[in-house]
Amino acid sequence: MSWSLSVLGAEGPAELEPVSGDASARRYFRLRLDGGSFMVVDAPPDSQKNAEFLAVRELLCAAGITVPDLHGADLSRGCLLLGDLGDRLLLQELDPAADGAPYQRALAVLLAMASIDPADPHWPRYDDALFSEELGRFPQWFVEQLLELPAPDDSIWQAFTEVLKASALEQPTVLVHRDFHSRNLMPQPDGALAVIDFQDAVIGPVTYDLVSLLRDCYIRWQPQQVEAWALSYLGMLRQRGQLMSIDDARFLAWFDLMGLQRHIKVLGTFARLFIRDGKPAYLHDLPLVIRYVREMLHKYRGEVAAIAAFDHWFETELMPVIRQQSWSAGQ
């Protein structure tokens, strides 16, 4: 607390209270002073991307996107002093039975992010190596560690992941948040939608954040609504002269396969959060993610042989065991 008070030049009574965090090792505290409240972030420098957080924050801020105010940073200690955006998440404003109007604000934020062009040519990219690392979490953590089953045969796995990577890597690229969903978007009193947890941003496929938002791991929308939103966003890009040569069908195929890649990765990530990091709450989110995966496998298995082979393995080898799990919720 003393560092935060010195940064603010504040004295007198102060209150520091813990705030529930996210899936990372960061810890958050709300600092209350007579002059307002602030967020103190304890982000160990050996494991957290604090310099990247500051760099991405600057890019987003320059694009007019609402992000936490920065009051101070000590990178050597892993301390950040940020503005307090409150506690309300976009997820709390969403109702699948309603029209999802708040998503228009989220799509506007995505559009602003798509206009950002990092000047640094060395900015990290969603390349083959990163896709392979993310996808590799699935056999290691979800299949072998959580379900205690053998990983898929190399031939099935390699053919399947090559389809996903090829679809992703042929897409036009934009700045990608990598976790753009309803728990990382915070409605503000002025009507803005603030973005948080953006330190992992890279240059990557144009549909990545879109499918992360519309096929959110924490809330499900009807498929026709999701498709309408996706095409609405494509229309926004076209109005700005982007993706003019990409037809609706191709964009939706990119969107679907990008979502399949992301949700396969998320199964591994959520399993890892439970097993390695002791966060069992993420098990309750697995059924929706599994549903997304199965829907896309079933949709494309008649078109792509590699997807058909993976789908057969998933249904015959994994699903009988998944249905026995306490978290399976009637899969």
C-alpha atoms as a PDB file:
ATOM      1  CA  MET A   1       0.000   0.000   0.000  1.00  0.00           C
ATOM      2  CA  SER A   2       2.849   2.379   0.785  1.00  0.00           C
ATOM      3  CA  TRP A   3       4.049   2.311  -2.852  1.00  0.00           C
ATOM      4  CA  SER A   4       0.569   3.150  -4.117  1.00  0.00           C
ATOM      5  CA  LEU A   5       0.147   5.997  -1.656  1.00  0.00           C
ATOM      6  CA  SER A   6       3.527   7.450  -2.592  1.00  0.00           C
ATOM      7  CA  VAL A   7       2.656   7.290  -6.300  1.00  0.00           C
ATOM      8  CA  LEU A   8      -0.581   9.155  -5.638  1.00  0.00           C
ATOM      9  CA  GLY A   9       1.053  11.559  -3.210  1.00  0.00           C
ATOM     10  CA  ALA A  10      -1.660  10.634  -0.754  1.00  0.00           C
ATOM     11  CA  GLU A  11      -1.718  10.539   3.005  1.00  0.00           C
ATOM     12  CA  GLY A  12      -4.333   9.801   5.577  1.00  0.00           C
ATOM     13  CA  PRO A  13      -6.802   6.942   5.926  1.00  0.00           C
ATOM     14  CA  ALA A  14      -6.721   4.296   3.229  1.00  0.00           C
ATOM     15  CA  GLU A  15      -8.426   0.942   2.872  1.00  0.00           C
ATOM     16  CA  LEU A  16      -7.108  -1.973   0.821  1.00  0.00           C
ATOM     17  CA  GLU A  17      -9.436  -4.876   0.045  1.00  0.00           C
ATOM     18  CA  PRO A  18      -8.879  -7.920  -2.181  1.00  0.00           C
ATOM     19  CA  VAL A  19     -10.888  -8.243  -5.373  1.00  0.00           C
ATOM     20  CA  SER A  20     -11.623 -11.565  -7.025  1.00  0.00           C
ATOM     21  CA  GLY A  21      -9.206 -12.144  -9.866  1.00  0.00           C
ATOM     22  CA  ASP A  22      -9.187 -14.031 -13.132  1.00  0.00           C
ATOM     23  CA  ALA A  23      -7.527 -17.163 -14.446  1.00  0.00           C
ATOM     24  CA  SER A  24      -4.013 -15.745 -14.041  1.00  0.00           C
ATOM     25  CA  ALA A  25      -1.573 -15.419 -11.153  1.00  0.00           C
ATOM     26  CA  ARG A  26      -2.313 -11.710 -10.814  1.00  0.00           C
ATOM     27  CA  ARG A  27      -3.878 -10.434  -7.610  1.00  0.00           C
ATOM     28  CA  TYR A  28      -6.115  -7.380  -7.456  1.00  0.00           C
ATOM     29  CA  PHE A  29      -6.815  -5.004  -4.582  1.00  0.00           C
ATOM     30  CA  ARG A  30      -9.137  -2.023  -4.385  1.00  0.00           C
ATOM     31  CA  LEU A  31      -7.509   0.971  -2.721  1.00  0.00           C
ATOM     32  CA  ARG A  32     -10.035   3.374  -1.230  1.00  0.00           C
ATOM     33  CA  LEU A  33      -9.027   6.918  -0.364  1.00  0.00           C
ATOM     34  CA  ASP A  34     -10.927  10.093   0.335  1.00  0.00           C
ATOM     35  CA  GLY A  35     -10.120  11.124  -3.224  1.00  0.00           C
ATOM     36  CA  GLY A  36     -11.582   8.019  -4.849  1.00  0.00           C
ATOM     37  CA  SER A  37     -10.721   4.385  -5.456  1.00  0.00           C
ATOM     38  CA  PHE A  38      -7.975   2.693  -7.452  1.00  0.00           C
ATOM     39  CA  MET A  39      -6.932  -0.825  -8.417  1.00  0.00           C
ATOM     40  CA  VAL A  40      -3.599  -2.142  -7.191  1.00  0.00           C
ATOM     41  CA  VAL A  41      -2.352  -5.081  -9.240  1.00  0.00           C
ATOM     42  CA  ASP A  42       0.222  -7.504  -7.876  1.00  0.00           C
ATOM     43  CA  ALA A  43       1.558  -9.142 -11.034  1.00  0.00           C
ATOM     44  CA  PRO A  44       4.745 -11.178 -10.426  1.00  0.00           C
ATOM     45  CA  PRO A  45       7.243 -10.037 -13.079  1.00  0.00           C
ATOM     46  CA  ASP A  46       8.627 -13.544 -13.576  1.00  0.00           C
ATOM     47  CA  SER A  47       5.280 -14.854 -14.835  1.00  0.00           C
ATOM     48  CA  GLN A  48       3.140 -11.875 -15.898  1.00  0.00           C
ATOM     49  CA  LYS A  49       3.368  -9.750 -19.046  1.00  0.00           C
ATOM     50  CA  ASN A  50       3.428  -6.346 -17.401  1.00  0.00           C
ATOM     51  CA  ALA A  51       5.440  -4.523 -20.063  1.00  0.00           C
ATOM     52  CA  GLU A  52       3.149  -6.000 -22.704  1.00  0.00           C
ATOM     53  CA  PHE A  53       0.107  -4.844 -20.738  1.00  0.00           C
ATOM     54  CA  LEU A  54       1.399  -1.287 -20.785  1.00  0.00           C
ATOM     55  CA  ALA A  55       2.268  -1.420 -24.489  1.00  0.00           C
ATOM     56  CA  VAL A  56      -1.130  -2.788 -25.522  1.00  0.00           C
ATOM     57  CA  ARG A  57      -2.894  -0.356 -23.216  1.00  0.00           C
ATOM     58  CA  GLU A  58      -1.209   2.523 -25.023  1.00  0.00           C
ATOM     59  CA  LEU A  59      -2.331   1.191 -28.417  1.00  0.00           C
ATOM     60  CA  LEU A  60      -5.928   0.718 -27.299  1.00  0.00           C
ATOM     61  CA  CYS A  61      -6.061   4.094 -25.625  1.00  0.00           C
ATOM     62  CA  ALA A  62      -4.756   5.803 -28.772  1.00  0.00           C
ATOM     63  CA  ALA A  63      -7.553   4.124 -30.749  1.00  0.00           C
ATOM     64  CA  GLY A  64     -10.176   5.609 -28.441  1.00  0.00           C
ATOM     65  CA  ILE A  65     -10.909   2.355 -26.632  1.00  0.00           C
ATOM     66  CA  THR A  66     -11.714   2.616 -22.929  1.00  0.00           C
ATOM     67  CA  VAL A  67      -9.060   0.929 -20.786  1.00  0.00           C
ATOM     68  CA  PRO A  68      -8.009   1.325 -17.144  1.00  0.00           C
ATOM     69  CA  ASP A  69      -6.287   4.617 -16.374  1.00  0.00           C
ATOM     70  CA  LEU A  70      -2.612   4.192 -15.511  1.00  0.00           C
ATOM     71  CA  HIS A  71      -1.440   5.984 -12.380  1.00  0.00           C
ATOM     72  CA  GLY A  72       1.837   4.190 -11.804  1.00  0.00           C
ATOM     73  CA  ALA A  73       3.920   1.124 -12.597  1.00  0.00           C
ATOM     74  CA  ASP A  74       6.945  -0.534 -11.038  1.00  0.00           C
ATOM     75  CA  LEU A  75       7.863  -3.311 -13.448  1.00  0.00           C
ATOM     76  CA  SER A  76      10.732  -4.592 -11.316  1.00  0.00           C
ATOM     77  CA  ARG A  77       8.323  -5.318  -8.473  1.00  0.00           C
ATOM     78  CA  GLY A  78       5.382  -6.276 -10.657  1.00  0.00           C
ATOM     79  CA  CYS A  79       3.160  -3.519  -9.287  1.00  0.00           C
ATOM     80  CA  LEU A  80       0.585  -1.565 -11.281  1.00  0.00           C
ATOM     81  CA  LEU A  81      -1.692   1.191 -10.034  1.00  0.00           C
ATOM     82  CA  LEU A  82      -4.745   1.502 -12.262  1.00  0.00           C
ATOM     83  CA  GLY A  83      -8.034   3.317 -12.345  1.00  0.00           C
ATOM     84  CA  ASP A  84     -11.025   1.547 -10.833  1.00  0.00           C
ATOM     85  CA  LEU A  85     -13.496   0.457 -13.521  1.00  0.00           C
ATOM     86  CA  GLY A  86     -15.957  -0.949 -11.001  1.00  0.00           C
ATOM     87  CA  ASP A  87     -17.171  -4.517 -10.609  1.00  0.00           C
ATOM     88  CA  ARG A  88     -19.806  -4.924 -13.306  1.00  0.00           C
ATOM     89  CA  LEU A  89     -19.016  -7.246 -16.216  1.00  0.00           C
ATOM     90  CA  LEU A  90     -20.766  -7.333 -19.569  1.00  0.00           C
ATOM     91  CA  LEU A  91     -21.840 -10.889 -18.741  1.00  0.00           C
ATOM     92  CA  GLN A  92     -24.101  -9.521 -16.013  1.00  0.00           C
ATOM     93  CA  GLU A  93     -26.016  -7.427 -18.556  1.00  0.00           C
ATOM     94  CA  LEU A  94     -26.639 -10.263 -21.000  1.00  0.00           C
ATOM     95  CA  ASP A  95     -29.760 -12.369 -21.337  1.00  0.00           C
ATOM     96  CA  PRO A  96     -29.975 -15.017 -24.080  1.00  0.00           C
ATOM     97  CA  ALA A  97     -33.742 -14.502 -24.108  1.00  0.00           C
ATOM     98  CA  ALA A  98     -33.293 -10.812 -24.952  1.00  0.00           C
ATOM     99  CA  ASP A  99     -31.856  -9.151 -28.042  1.00  0.00           C
ATOM    100  CA  GLY A 100     -28.248  -8.844 -26.900  1.00  0.00           C
ATOM    101  CA  ALA A 101     -28.160  -5.107 -27.623  1.00  0.00           C
ATOM    102  CA  PRO A 102     -24.975  -4.583 -25.543  1.00  0.00           C
ATOM    103  CA  TYR A 103     -23.108  -6.608 -28.170  1.00  0.00           C
ATOM    104  CA  GLN A 104     -23.344  -3.678 -30.581  1.00  0.00           C
ATOM    105  CA  ARG A 105     -20.969  -1.795 -28.284  1.00  0.00           C
ATOM    106  CA  ALA A 106     -18.643  -4.787 -28.170  1.00  0.00           C
ATOM    107  CA  LEU A 107     -18.608  -5.042 -31.973  1.00  0.00           C
ATOM    108  CA  ALA A 108     -17.769  -1.333 -32.137  1.00  0.00           C
ATOM    109  CA  VAL A 109     -14.774  -1.964 -29.868  1.00  0.00           C
ATOM    110  CA  LEU A 110     -13.645  -4.812 -32.133  1.00  0.00           C
ATOM    111  CA  LEU A 111     -13.937  -2.525 -35.133  1.00  0.00           C
ATOM    112  CA  ALA A 112     -11.726   0.048 -33.419  1.00  0.00           C
ATOM    113  CA  MET A 113      -9.177  -2.657 -32.612  1.00  0.00           C
ATOM    114  CA  ALA A 114      -9.179  -3.746 -36.259  1.00  0.00           C
ATOM    115  CA  SER A 115      -7.938  -0.275 -37.194  1.00  0.00           C
ATOM    116  CA  ILE A 116      -4.849  -0.510 -34.986  1.00  0.00           C
ATOM    117  CA  ASP A 117      -1.560  -1.088 -36.769  1.00  0.00           C
ATOM    118  CA  PRO A 118       1.304  -1.569 -34.290  1.00  0.00           C
ATOM    119  CA  ALA A 119       4.322   0.249 -35.645  1.00  0.00           C
ATOM    120  CA  ASP A 120       6.721  -2.330 -34.226  1.00  0.00           C
ATOM    121  CA  PRO A 121       7.422  -4.978 -36.909  1.00  0.00           C
ATOM    122  CA  HIS A 122       8.470  -7.349 -34.133  1.00  0.00           C
ATOM    123  CA  TRP A 123       5.029  -7.315 -32.502  1.00  0.00           C
ATOM    124  CA  PRO A 124       4.153 -10.946 -31.653  1.00  0.00           C
ATOM    125  CA  ARG A 125       2.027 -12.818 -34.152  1.00  0.00           C
ATOM    126  CA  TYR A 126      -0.374 -15.710 -34.051  1.00  0.00           C
ATOM    127  CA  ASP A 127       1.934 -18.025 -35.950  1.00  0.00           C
ATOM    128  CA  ASP A 128       2.107 -21.774 -36.432  1.00  0.00           C
ATOM    129  CA  ALA A 129       4.122 -22.228 -33.238  1.00  0.00           C
ATOM    130  CA  LEU A 130       1.591 -20.370 -31.083  1.00  0.00           C
ATOM    131  CA  PHE A 131      -1.339 -22.260 -32.573  1.00  0.00           C
ATOM    132  CA  SER A 132       0.458 -25.551 -31.954  1.00  0.00           C
ATOM    133  CA  GLU A 133       1.163 -24.637 -28.328  1.00  0.00           C
ATOM    134  CA  GLU A 134      -2.446 -23.669 -27.686  1.00  0.00           C
ATOM    135  CA  LEU A 135      -3.918 -26.719 -29.378  1.00  0.00           C
ATOM    136  CA  GLY A 136      -1.438 -28.951 -27.557  1.00  0.00           C
ATOM    137  CA  ARG A 137      -3.143 -28.145 -24.261  1.00  0.00           C
ATOM    138  CA  PHE A 138      -6.111 -30.281 -25.328  1.00  0.00           C
ATOM    139  CA  PRO A 139      -4.461 -33.726 -25.538  1.00  0.00           C
ATOM    140  CA  GLN A 140      -2.152 -33.027 -22.609  1.00  0.00           C
ATOM    141  CA  TRP A 141      -4.537 -31.514 -20.081  1.00  0.00           C
ATOM    142  CA  PHE A 142      -8.074 -32.365 -21.131  1.00  0.00           C
ATOM    143  CA  VAL A 143      -7.635 -35.845 -22.578  1.00  0.00           C
ATOM    144  CA  GLU A 144      -4.685 -37.325 -20.678  1.00  0.00           C
ATOM    145  CA  GLN A 145      -4.834 -35.443 -17.365  1.00  0.00           C
ATOM    146  CA  LEU A 146      -8.536 -34.735 -16.813  1.00  0.00           C
ATOM    147  CA  LEU A 147     -10.198 -37.687 -18.559  1.00  0.00           C
ATOM    148  CA  GLU A 148      -7.213 -40.032 -18.070  1.00  0.00           C
ATOM    149  CA  LEU A 149      -7.470 -41.291 -21.640  1.00  0.00           C
ATOM    150  CA  PRO A 150      -4.859 -41.753 -24.375  1.00  0.00           C
ATOM    151  CA  ALA A 151      -4.270 -38.792 -26.656  1.00  0.00           C
ATOM    152  CA  PRO A 152      -5.581 -39.148 -30.220  1.00  0.00           C
ATOM    153  CA  ASP A 153      -3.396 -40.920 -32.745  1.00  0.00           C
ATOM    154  CA  ASP A 154      -0.813 -38.588 -34.221  1.00  0.00           C
ATOM    155  CA  SER A 155      -2.200 -39.033 -37.721  1.00  0.00           C
ATOM    156  CA  ILE A 156      -5.717 -37.994 -36.652  1.00  0.00           C
ATOM    157  CA  TRP A 157      -4.484 -35.111 -34.520  1.00  0.00           C
ATOM    158  CA  GLN A 158      -2.012 -33.721 -37.049  1.00  0.00           C
ATOM    159  CA  ALA A 159      -4.479 -33.817 -39.936  1.00  0.00           C
ATOM    160  CA  PHE A 160      -7.176 -32.161 -37.825  1.00  0.00           C
ATOM    161  CA  THR A 161      -4.985 -29.386 -36.455  1.00  0.00           C
ATOM    162  CA  GLU A 162      -3.503 -28.657 -39.875  1.00  0.00           C
ATOM    163  CA  VAL A 163      -7.011 -27.905 -41.158  1.00  0.00           C
ATOM    164  CA  LEU A 164      -7.595 -25.486 -38.283  1.00  0.00           C
ATOM    165  CA  LYS A 165      -4.229 -23.783 -38.621  1.00  0.00           C
ATOM    166  CA  ALA A 166      -4.528 -23.432 -42.392  1.00  0.00           C
ATOM    167  CA  SER A 167      -7.917 -21.746 -42.054  1.00  0.00           C
ATOM    168  CA  ALA A 168      -6.621 -19.390 -39.382  1.00  0.00           C
ATOM    169  CA  LEU A 169      -3.388 -18.458 -41.109  1.00  0.00           C
ATOM    170  CA  GLU A 170      -5.038 -17.596 -44.436  1.00  0.00           C
ATOM    171  CA  GLN A 171      -7.183 -14.902 -42.837  1.00  0.00           C
ATOM    172  CA  PRO A 172      -6.396 -11.179 -42.933  1.00  0.00           C
ATOM    173  CA  THR A 173      -4.819 -10.082 -39.662  1.00  0.00           C
ATOM    174  CA  VAL A 174      -5.687  -7.481 -37.044  1.00  0.00           C
ATOM    175  CA  LEU A 175      -4.750  -6.785 -33.440  1.00  0.00           C
ATOM    176  CA  VAL A 176      -6.201  -9.721 -31.480  1.00  0.00           C
ATOM    177  CA  HIS A 177      -6.989  -9.484 -27.760  1.00  0.00           C
ATOM    178  CA  ARG A 178      -7.016 -13.317 -27.452  1.00  0.00           C
ATOM    179  CA  ASP A 179      -9.606 -13.360 -24.646  1.00  0.00           C
ATOM    180  CA  PHE A 180     -12.288 -10.967 -25.865  1.00  0.00           C
ATOM    181  CA  HIS A 181     -15.424 -12.099 -24.055  1.00  0.00           C
ATOM    182  CA  SER A 182     -18.092 -11.004 -21.617  1.00  0.00           C
ATOM    183  CA  ARG A 183     -15.905 -11.332 -18.518  1.00  0.00           C
ATOM    184  CA  ASN A 184     -13.217  -9.059 -19.940  1.00  0.00           C
ATOM    185  CA  LEU A 185     -15.570  -6.258 -20.969  1.00  0.00           C
ATOM    186  CA  MET A 186     -16.866  -3.840 -18.343  1.00  0.00           C
ATOM    187  CA  PRO A 187     -19.791  -1.433 -18.922  1.00  0.00           C
ATOM    188  CA  GLN A 188     -19.062   2.065 -17.644  1.00  0.00           C
ATOM    189  CA  PRO A 189     -21.431   4.754 -16.320  1.00  0.00           C
ATOM    190  CA  ASP A 190     -20.830   6.899 -19.417  1.00  0.00           C
ATOM    191  CA  GLY A 191     -22.002   4.084 -21.706  1.00  0.00           C
ATOM    192  CA  ALA A 192     -18.524   3.033 -22.794  1.00  0.00           C
ATOM    193  CA  LEU A 193     -17.394  -0.576 -22.721  1.00  0.00           C
ATOM    194  CA  ALA A 194     -13.990  -0.911 -21.074  1.00  0.00           C
ATOM    195  CA  VAL A 195     -11.554  -3.635 -22.106  1.00  0.00           C
ATOM    196  CA  ILE A 196      -9.341  -5.447 -19.600  1.00  0.00           C
ATOM    197  CA  ASP A 197      -6.892  -8.374 -19.514  1.00  0.00           C
ATOM    198  CA  PHE A 198      -5.307  -7.538 -22.876  1.00  0.00           C
ATOM    199  CA  GLN A 199      -1.637  -8.275 -22.155  1.00  0.00           C
ATOM    200  CA  ASP A 200      -1.572 -11.342 -24.440  1.00  0.00           C
ATOM    201  CA  ALA A 201      -2.565  -9.395 -27.563  1.00  0.00           C
ATOM    202  CA  VAL A 202      -0.946 -10.396 -30.853  1.00  0.00           C
ATOM    203  CA  ILE A 203      -1.425  -9.810 -34.556  1.00  0.00           C
ATOM    204  CA  GLY A 204      -3.748 -12.592 -35.642  1.00  0.00           C
ATOM    205  CA  PRO A 205      -6.807 -13.785 -37.588  1.00  0.00           C
ATOM    206  CA  VAL A 206      -9.626 -11.309 -38.096  1.00  0.00           C
ATOM    207  CA  THR A 207     -12.264 -13.738 -36.780  1.00  0.00           C
ATOM    208  CA  TYR A 208     -10.478 -14.747 -33.566  1.00  0.00           C
ATOM    209  CA  ASP A 209     -11.845 -12.126 -31.176  1.00  0.00           C
ATOM    210  CA  LEU A 210     -15.190 -12.134 -32.971  1.00  0.00           C
ATOM    211  CA  VAL A 211     -15.819 -15.816 -32.294  1.00  0.00           C
ATOM    212  CA  SER A 212     -14.447 -15.452 -28.763  1.00  0.00           C
ATOM    213  CA  LEU A 213     -17.169 -12.856 -28.174  1.00  0.00           C
ATOM    214  CA  LEU A 214     -20.079 -14.424 -30.037  1.00  0.00           C
ATOM    215  CA  ARG A 215     -19.442 -18.024 -28.996  1.00  0.00           C
ATOM    216  CA  ASP A 216     -18.541 -16.998 -25.476  1.00  0.00           C
ATOM    217  CA  CYS A 217     -17.542 -19.805 -23.108  1.00  0.00           C
ATOM    218  CA  TYR A 218     -19.808 -18.343 -20.416  1.00  0.00           C
ATOM    219  CA  ILE A 219     -23.053 -17.645 -22.301  1.00  0.00           C
ATOM    220  CA  ARG A 220     -24.719 -19.170 -25.346  1.00  0.00           C
ATOM    221  CA  TRP A 221     -26.721 -17.418 -28.056  1.00  0.00           C
ATOM    222  CA  GLN A 222     -28.908 -18.983 -30.716  1.00  0.00           C
ATOM    223  CA  PRO A 223     -26.895 -19.942 -33.828  1.00  0.00           C
ATOM    224  CA  GLN A 224     -28.927 -17.702 -36.125  1.00  0.00           C
ATOM    225  CA  GLN A 225     -28.268 -14.721 -33.850  1.00  0.00           C
ATOM    226  CA  VAL A 226     -24.548 -15.494 -33.781  1.00  0.00           C
ATOM    227  CA  GLU A 227     -24.421 -15.704 -37.574  1.00  0.00           C
ATOM    228  CA  ALA A 228     -26.330 -12.433 -37.916  1.00  0.00           C
ATOM    229  CA  TRP A 229     -23.887 -10.666 -35.596  1.00  0.00           C
ATOM    230  CA  ALA A 230     -20.889 -12.146 -37.409  1.00  0.00           C
ATOM    231  CA  LEU A 231     -22.166 -10.956 -40.791  1.00  0.00           C
ATOM    232  CA  SER A 232     -23.041  -7.579 -39.296  1.00  0.00           C
ATOM    233  CA  TYR A 233     -19.418  -7.221 -38.237  1.00  0.00           C
ATOM    234  CA  LEU A 234     -18.242  -8.250 -41.698  1.00  0.00           C
ATOM    235  CA  GLY A 235     -20.479  -5.508 -43.070  1.00  0.00           C
ATOM    236  CA  MET A 236     -18.832  -2.982 -40.746  1.00  0.00           C
ATOM    237  CA  LEU A 237     -15.408  -4.022 -41.999  1.00  0.00           C
ATOM    238  CA  ARG A 238     -16.526  -3.720 -45.616  1.00  0.00           C
ATOM    239  CA  GLN A 239     -17.831  -0.216 -44.997  1.00  0.00           C
ATOM    240  CA  ARG A 240     -14.275   0.701 -44.012  1.00  0.00           C
ATOM    241  CA  GLY A 241     -12.815  -0.932 -47.096  1.00  0.00           C
ATOM    242  CA  GLN A 242     -11.620  -4.108 -45.359  1.00  0.00           C
ATOM    243  CA  LEU A 243     -12.286  -7.694 -46.524  1.00  0.00           C
ATOM    244  CA  MET A 244     -13.993  -6.438 -49.674  1.00  0.00           C
ATOM    245  CA  SER A 245     -13.104  -9.584 -51.630  1.00  0.00           C
ATOM    246  CA  ILE A 246     -14.290 -12.036 -48.948  1.00  0.00           C
ATOM    247  CA  ASP A 247     -17.807 -13.387 -49.422  1.00  0.00           C
ATOM    248  CA  ASP A 248     -20.162 -14.252 -46.572  1.00  0.00           C
ATOM    249  CA  ALA A 249     -19.716 -18.022 -46.864  1.00  0.00           C
ATOM    250  CA  ARG A 250     -15.937 -17.873 -46.671  1.00  0.00           C
ATOM    251  CA  PHE A 251     -16.018 -15.497 -43.715  1.00  0.00           C
ATOM    252  CA  LEU A 252     -18.447 -17.742 -41.823  1.00  0.00           C
ATOM    253  CA  ALA A 253     -16.284 -20.812 -42.510  1.00  0.00           C
ATOM    254  CA  TRP A 254     -13.271 -18.945 -41.125  1.00  0.00           C
ATOM    255  CA  PHE A 255     -15.396 -17.932 -38.136  1.00  0.00           C
ATOM    256  CA  ASP A 256     -16.582 -21.502 -37.482  1.00  0.00           C
ATOM    257  CA  LEU A 257     -13.154 -23.135 -37.741  1.00  0.00           C
ATOM    258  CA  MET A 258     -11.567 -20.367 -35.695  1.00  0.00           C
ATOM    259  CA  GLY A 259     -14.119 -21.075 -32.985  1.00  0.00           C
ATOM    260  CA  LEU A 260     -13.385 -24.783 -33.175  1.00  0.00           C
ATOM    261  CA  GLN A 261      -9.673 -24.090 -32.693  1.00  0.00           C
ATOM    262  CA  ARG A 262     -10.351 -21.753 -29.784  1.00  0.00           C
ATOM    263  CA  HIS A 263     -12.718 -24.110 -27.996  1.00  0.00           C
ATOM    264  CA  ILE A 264     -10.418 -27.109 -28.408  1.00  0.00           C
ATOM    265  CA  LYS A 265      -7.724 -24.952 -26.809  1.00  0.00           C
ATOM    266  CA  VAL A 266     -10.084 -23.804 -24.052  1.00  0.00           C
ATOM    267  CA  LEU A 267     -10.898 -27.389 -23.063  1.00  0.00           C
ATOM    268  CA  GLY A 268      -7.198 -27.855 -22.363  1.00  0.00           C
ATOM    269  CA  THR A 269      -6.868 -24.491 -20.658  1.00  0.00           C
ATOM    270  CA  PHE A 270      -9.831 -25.025 -18.314  1.00  0.00           C
ATOM    271  CA  ALA A 271      -8.591 -28.509 -17.432  1.00  0.00           C
ATOM    272  CA  ARG A 272      -5.158 -27.057 -16.669  1.00  0.00           C
ATOM    273  CA  LEU A 273      -6.660 -24.338 -14.480  1.00  0.00           C
ATOM    274  CA  PHE A 274      -8.343 -27.048 -12.413  1.00  0.00           C
ATOM    275  CA  ILE A 275      -5.497 -29.567 -12.242  1.00  0.00           C
ATOM    276  CA  ARG A 276      -2.427 -27.344 -12.055  1.00  0.00           C
ATOM    277  CA  ASP A 277      -3.799 -24.134 -10.582  1.00  0.00           C
ATOM    278  CA  GLY A 278      -6.481 -25.477  -8.241  1.00  0.00           C
ATOM    279  CA  LYS A 279      -9.381 -23.557  -9.812  1.00  0.00           C
ATOM    280  CA  PRO A 280     -12.305 -26.015  -9.976  1.00  0.00           C
ATOM    281  CA  ALA A 281     -14.867 -23.374 -10.987  1.00  0.00           C
ATOM    282  CA  TYR A 282     -13.760 -23.714 -14.606  1.00  0.00           C
ATOM    283  CA  LEU A 283     -15.007 -27.307 -14.707  1.00  0.00           C
ATOM    284  CA  HIS A 284     -18.562 -25.951 -14.672  1.00  0.00           C
ATOM    285  CA  ASP A 285     -17.847 -24.121 -17.941  1.00  0.00           C
ATOM    286  CA  LEU A 286     -16.690 -27.245 -19.781  1.00  0.00           C
ATOM    287  CA  PRO A 287     -20.151 -28.474 -20.920  1.00  0.00           C
ATOM    288  CA  LEU A 288     -20.843 -25.372 -23.016  1.00  0.00           C
ATOM    289  CA  VAL A 289     -17.382 -25.492 -24.585  1.00  0.00           C
ATOM    290  CA  ILE A 290     -17.840 -29.186 -25.402  1.00  0.00           C
ATOM    291  CA  ARG A 291     -21.188 -28.350 -26.991  1.00  0.00           C
ATOM    292  CA  TYR A 292     -19.542 -25.744 -29.217  1.00  0.00           C
ATOM    293  CA  VAL A 293     -16.853 -28.235 -30.258  1.00  0.00           C
ATOM    294  CA  ARG A 294     -19.334 -30.979 -31.114  1.00  0.00           C
ATOM    295  CA  GLU A 295     -21.577 -28.617 -33.070  1.00  0.00           C
ATOM    296  CA  MET A 296     -18.729 -27.518 -35.332  1.00  0.00           C
ATOM    297  CA  LEU A 297     -17.384 -31.050 -35.734  1.00  0.00           C
ATOM    298  CA  HIS A 298     -20.829 -32.230 -36.795  1.00  0.00           C
ATOM    299  CA  LYS A 299     -21.279 -29.269 -39.136  1.00  0.00           C
ATOM    300  CA  TYR A 300     -18.036 -29.852 -41.058  1.00  0.00           C
ATOM    301  CA  ARG A 301     -17.490 -33.603 -40.822  1.00  0.00           C
ATOM    302  CA  GLY A 302     -19.301 -34.120 -44.121  1.00  0.00           C
ATOM    303  CA  GLU A 303     -17.013 -31.654 -45.885  1.00  0.00           C
ATOM    304  CA  VAL A 304     -13.534 -32.294 -44.458  1.00  0.00           C
ATOM    305  CA  ALA A 305     -12.161 -35.815 -43.994  1.00  0.00           C
ATOM    306  CA  ALA A 306      -9.750 -34.775 -41.227  1.00  0.00           C
ATOM    307  CA  ILE A 307     -12.618 -33.282 -39.233  1.00  0.00           C
ATOM    308  CA  ALA A 308     -14.715 -36.417 -39.784  1.00  0.00           C
ATOM    309  CA  ALA A 309     -11.918 -38.604 -38.403  1.00  0.00           C
ATOM    310  CA  PHE A 310     -11.440 -36.386 -35.353  1.00  0.00           C
ATOM    311  CA  ASP A 311     -15.195 -36.216 -34.788  1.00  0.00           C
ATOM    312  CA  HIS A 312     -15.438 -40.020 -34.834  1.00  0.00           C
ATOM    313  CA  TRP A 313     -12.620 -40.287 -32.280  1.00  0.00           C
ATOM    314  CA  PHE A 314     -14.193 -37.583 -30.086  1.00  0.00           C
ATOM    315  CA  GLU A 315     -17.606 -39.250 -30.102  1.00  0.00           C
ATOM    316  CA  THR A 316     -16.444 -42.840 -29.600  1.00  0.00           C
ATOM    317  CA  GLU A 317     -13.474 -42.353 -27.268  1.00  0.00           C
ATOM    318  CA  LEU A 318     -14.171 -39.177 -25.288  1.00  0.00           C
ATOM    319  CA  MET A 319     -17.923 -38.744 -25.016  1.00  0.00           C
ATOM    320  CA  PRO A 320     -18.635 -41.985 -23.088  1.00  0.00           C
ATOM    321  CA  VAL A 321     -16.125 -40.890 -20.432  1.00  0.00           C
ATOM    322  CA  ILE A 322     -17.238 -37.247 -20.476  1.00  0.00           C
ATOM    323  CA  ARG A 323     -20.809 -38.325 -19.727  1.00  0.00           C
ATOM    324  CA  GLN A 324     -19.585 -40.035 -16.551  1.00  0.00           C
ATOM    325  CA  GLN A 325     -18.024 -36.864 -15.136  1.00  0.00           C
ATOM    326  CA  SER A 326     -19.727 -34.982 -12.309  1.00  0.00           C
ATOM    327  CA  TRP A 327     -19.402 -31.744 -14.302  1.00  0.00           C
ATOM    328  CA  SER A 328     -20.802 -33.125 -17.572  1.00  0.00           C
ATOM    329  CA  ALA A 329     -24.341 -31.704 -17.155  1.00  0.00           C
ATOM    330  CA  GLY A 330     -26.052 -34.279 -19.332  1.00  0.00           C
ATOM    331  CA  GLN A 331     -23.751 -34.169 -22.333  1.00  0.00           C
END
